[in-house]
Amino acid sequence: MDESGARDLRLRGGEDLIWREIEGQVVVLDGRTWEYISVNETGRALWDLLVQGTTEDGLVAFLLDNYEVSPETAAADVEAFLATLRDKDLLQE
């Protein structure tokens, strides 16, 4: 947790998780399951923040600072993105 009590978020590491940026998107291959997901341009920006380590509030703030979305939309989009990563076991908390 950071000083405000928010949970730190980071992508799960390991040799079995491979990702590449292709034409502004991120394509991820999970070597444990041989499943892949692709992440659009906005998701790629959030992905980059998760590689460095951030919080959910940090992701929402990024969307608000860089895209014309309401706070409710930004929060819902981040929540959905993180839910997908959690479902795929790609997130460390």
C-alpha atoms as a PDB file:
ATOM      1  CA  MET A   1       0.000   0.000   0.000  1.00  0.00           C
ATOM      2  CA  ASP A   2       1.108   3.550  -0.587  1.00  0.00           C
ATOM      3  CA  GLU A   3       0.943   6.362   1.965  1.00  0.00           C
ATOM      4  CA  SER A   4      -2.760   6.993   1.246  1.00  0.00           C
ATOM      5  CA  GLY A   5      -3.681   3.365   1.876  1.00  0.00           C
ATOM      6  CA  ALA A   6      -4.211   2.551  -1.820  1.00  0.00           C
ATOM      7  CA  ARG A   7      -3.077  -0.870  -2.967  1.00  0.00           C
ATOM      8  CA  ASP A   8      -0.050  -0.971  -5.217  1.00  0.00           C
ATOM      9  CA  LEU A   9      -0.740  -2.632  -8.543  1.00  0.00           C
ATOM     10  CA  ARG A  10       1.823  -4.173 -10.849  1.00  0.00           C
ATOM     11  CA  LEU A  11       1.726  -6.663 -13.668  1.00  0.00           C
ATOM     12  CA  ARG A  12       2.714 -10.183 -12.752  1.00  0.00           C
ATOM     13  CA  GLY A  13       6.249 -10.893 -13.846  1.00  0.00           C
ATOM     14  CA  GLY A  14       7.898 -14.073 -14.976  1.00  0.00           C
ATOM     15  CA  GLU A  15       9.275 -15.691 -18.057  1.00  0.00           C
ATOM     16  CA  ASP A  16       5.888 -17.191 -18.892  1.00  0.00           C
ATOM     17  CA  LEU A  17       4.325 -13.771 -19.528  1.00  0.00           C
ATOM     18  CA  ILE A  18       5.333 -12.316 -22.881  1.00  0.00           C
ATOM     19  CA  TRP A  19       4.055  -9.088 -24.376  1.00  0.00           C
ATOM     20  CA  ARG A  20       4.869  -6.982 -27.371  1.00  0.00           C
ATOM     21  CA  GLU A  21       3.631  -3.657 -28.633  1.00  0.00           C
ATOM     22  CA  ILE A  22       2.299  -3.951 -32.167  1.00  0.00           C
ATOM     23  CA  GLU A  23       0.816  -0.952 -33.988  1.00  0.00           C
ATOM     24  CA  GLY A  24      -0.078   0.875 -30.772  1.00  0.00           C
ATOM     25  CA  GLN A  25      -1.606  -2.157 -29.068  1.00  0.00           C
ATOM     26  CA  VAL A  26      -0.176  -4.638 -26.615  1.00  0.00           C
ATOM     27  CA  VAL A  27      -0.472  -8.341 -27.396  1.00  0.00           C
ATOM     28  CA  VAL A  28       0.050 -10.564 -24.347  1.00  0.00           C
ATOM     29  CA  LEU A  29       0.766 -14.298 -24.345  1.00  0.00           C
ATOM     30  CA  ASP A  30       0.444 -16.167 -21.066  1.00  0.00           C
ATOM     31  CA  GLY A  31       2.772 -19.154 -21.393  1.00  0.00           C
ATOM     32  CA  ARG A  32       1.039 -20.948 -18.507  1.00  0.00           C
ATOM     33  CA  THR A  33      -2.239 -21.259 -20.398  1.00  0.00           C
ATOM     34  CA  TRP A  34      -1.187 -20.337 -23.963  1.00  0.00           C
ATOM     35  CA  GLU A  35      -3.966 -17.761 -23.975  1.00  0.00           C
ATOM     36  CA  TYR A  36      -3.456 -14.309 -25.351  1.00  0.00           C
ATOM     37  CA  ILE A  37      -5.178 -11.000 -24.970  1.00  0.00           C
ATOM     38  CA  SER A  38      -4.759  -7.790 -26.863  1.00  0.00           C
ATOM     39  CA  VAL A  39      -4.933  -4.378 -25.277  1.00  0.00           C
ATOM     40  CA  ASN A  40      -6.026  -1.316 -27.261  1.00  0.00           C
ATOM     41  CA  GLU A  41      -4.187   2.005 -27.334  1.00  0.00           C
ATOM     42  CA  THR A  42      -5.770   3.315 -24.116  1.00  0.00           C
ATOM     43  CA  GLY A  43      -5.187  -0.007 -22.391  1.00  0.00           C
ATOM     44  CA  ARG A  44      -1.577   0.104 -23.577  1.00  0.00           C
ATOM     45  CA  ALA A  45      -1.075   3.362 -21.693  1.00  0.00           C
ATOM     46  CA  LEU A  46      -2.534   1.794 -18.538  1.00  0.00           C
ATOM     47  CA  TRP A  47      -0.397  -1.303 -19.159  1.00  0.00           C
ATOM     48  CA  ASP A  48       2.739   0.848 -19.203  1.00  0.00           C
ATOM     49  CA  LEU A  49       1.780   2.353 -15.835  1.00  0.00           C
ATOM     50  CA  LEU A  50       1.180  -1.124 -14.404  1.00  0.00           C
ATOM     51  CA  VAL A  51       4.605  -2.269 -15.589  1.00  0.00           C
ATOM     52  CA  GLN A  52       6.119   0.549 -13.504  1.00  0.00           C
ATOM     53  CA  GLY A  53       3.731   0.038 -10.587  1.00  0.00           C
ATOM     54  CA  THR A  54       0.812   2.309  -9.747  1.00  0.00           C
ATOM     55  CA  THR A  55      -2.519   2.392  -7.940  1.00  0.00           C
ATOM     56  CA  GLU A  56      -6.078   2.222  -9.192  1.00  0.00           C
ATOM     57  CA  ASP A  57      -6.436   5.929  -8.390  1.00  0.00           C
ATOM     58  CA  GLY A  58      -3.294   6.595 -10.427  1.00  0.00           C
ATOM     59  CA  LEU A  59      -4.800   4.841 -13.435  1.00  0.00           C
ATOM     60  CA  VAL A  60      -8.037   6.815 -13.116  1.00  0.00           C
ATOM     61  CA  ALA A  61      -6.087  10.074 -12.793  1.00  0.00           C
ATOM     62  CA  PHE A  62      -4.106   9.208 -15.917  1.00  0.00           C
ATOM     63  CA  LEU A  63      -7.304   8.724 -17.932  1.00  0.00           C
ATOM     64  CA  LEU A  64      -8.740  11.981 -16.628  1.00  0.00           C
ATOM     65  CA  ASP A  65      -5.562  13.866 -17.497  1.00  0.00           C
ATOM     66  CA  ASN A  66      -5.172  12.408 -20.986  1.00  0.00           C
ATOM     67  CA  TYR A  67      -8.650  11.660 -22.316  1.00  0.00           C
ATOM     68  CA  GLU A  68     -11.925  13.541 -22.369  1.00  0.00           C
ATOM     69  CA  VAL A  69     -13.891  11.264 -20.040  1.00  0.00           C
ATOM     70  CA  SER A  70     -15.911  11.827 -16.910  1.00  0.00           C
ATOM     71  CA  PRO A  71     -14.585  10.642 -13.543  1.00  0.00           C
ATOM     72  CA  GLU A  72     -17.310   7.965 -13.521  1.00  0.00           C
ATOM     73  CA  THR A  73     -16.344   6.681 -16.960  1.00  0.00           C
ATOM     74  CA  ALA A  74     -12.635   6.676 -16.108  1.00  0.00           C
ATOM     75  CA  ALA A  75     -13.273   4.743 -12.887  1.00  0.00           C
ATOM     76  CA  ALA A  76     -15.538   2.223 -14.650  1.00  0.00           C
ATOM     77  CA  ASP A  77     -13.027   1.718 -17.474  1.00  0.00           C
ATOM     78  CA  VAL A  78     -10.157   1.156 -15.045  1.00  0.00           C
ATOM     79  CA  GLU A  79     -12.262  -1.227 -12.973  1.00  0.00           C
ATOM     80  CA  ALA A  80     -13.169  -3.257 -16.080  1.00  0.00           C
ATOM     81  CA  PHE A  81      -9.552  -3.326 -17.285  1.00  0.00           C
ATOM     82  CA  LEU A  82      -8.275  -4.474 -13.894  1.00  0.00           C
ATOM     83  CA  ALA A  83     -11.037  -7.099 -13.654  1.00  0.00           C
ATOM     84  CA  THR A  84      -9.863  -8.577 -16.957  1.00  0.00           C
ATOM     85  CA  LEU A  85      -6.264  -8.670 -15.741  1.00  0.00           C
ATOM     86  CA  ARG A  86      -7.343 -10.260 -12.448  1.00  0.00           C
ATOM     87  CA  ASP A  87      -9.414 -12.883 -14.263  1.00  0.00           C
ATOM     88  CA  LYS A  88      -6.343 -13.785 -16.314  1.00  0.00           C
ATOM     89  CA  ASP A  89      -4.112 -13.755 -13.201  1.00  0.00           C
ATOM     90  CA  LEU A  90      -1.903 -11.072 -14.738  1.00  0.00           C
ATOM     91  CA  LEU A  91      -1.979  -8.628 -11.826  1.00  0.00           C
ATOM     92  CA  GLN A  92      -0.010  -8.464  -8.591  1.00  0.00           C
ATOM     93  CA  GLU A  93      -1.593  -6.574  -5.720  1.00  0.00           C
END
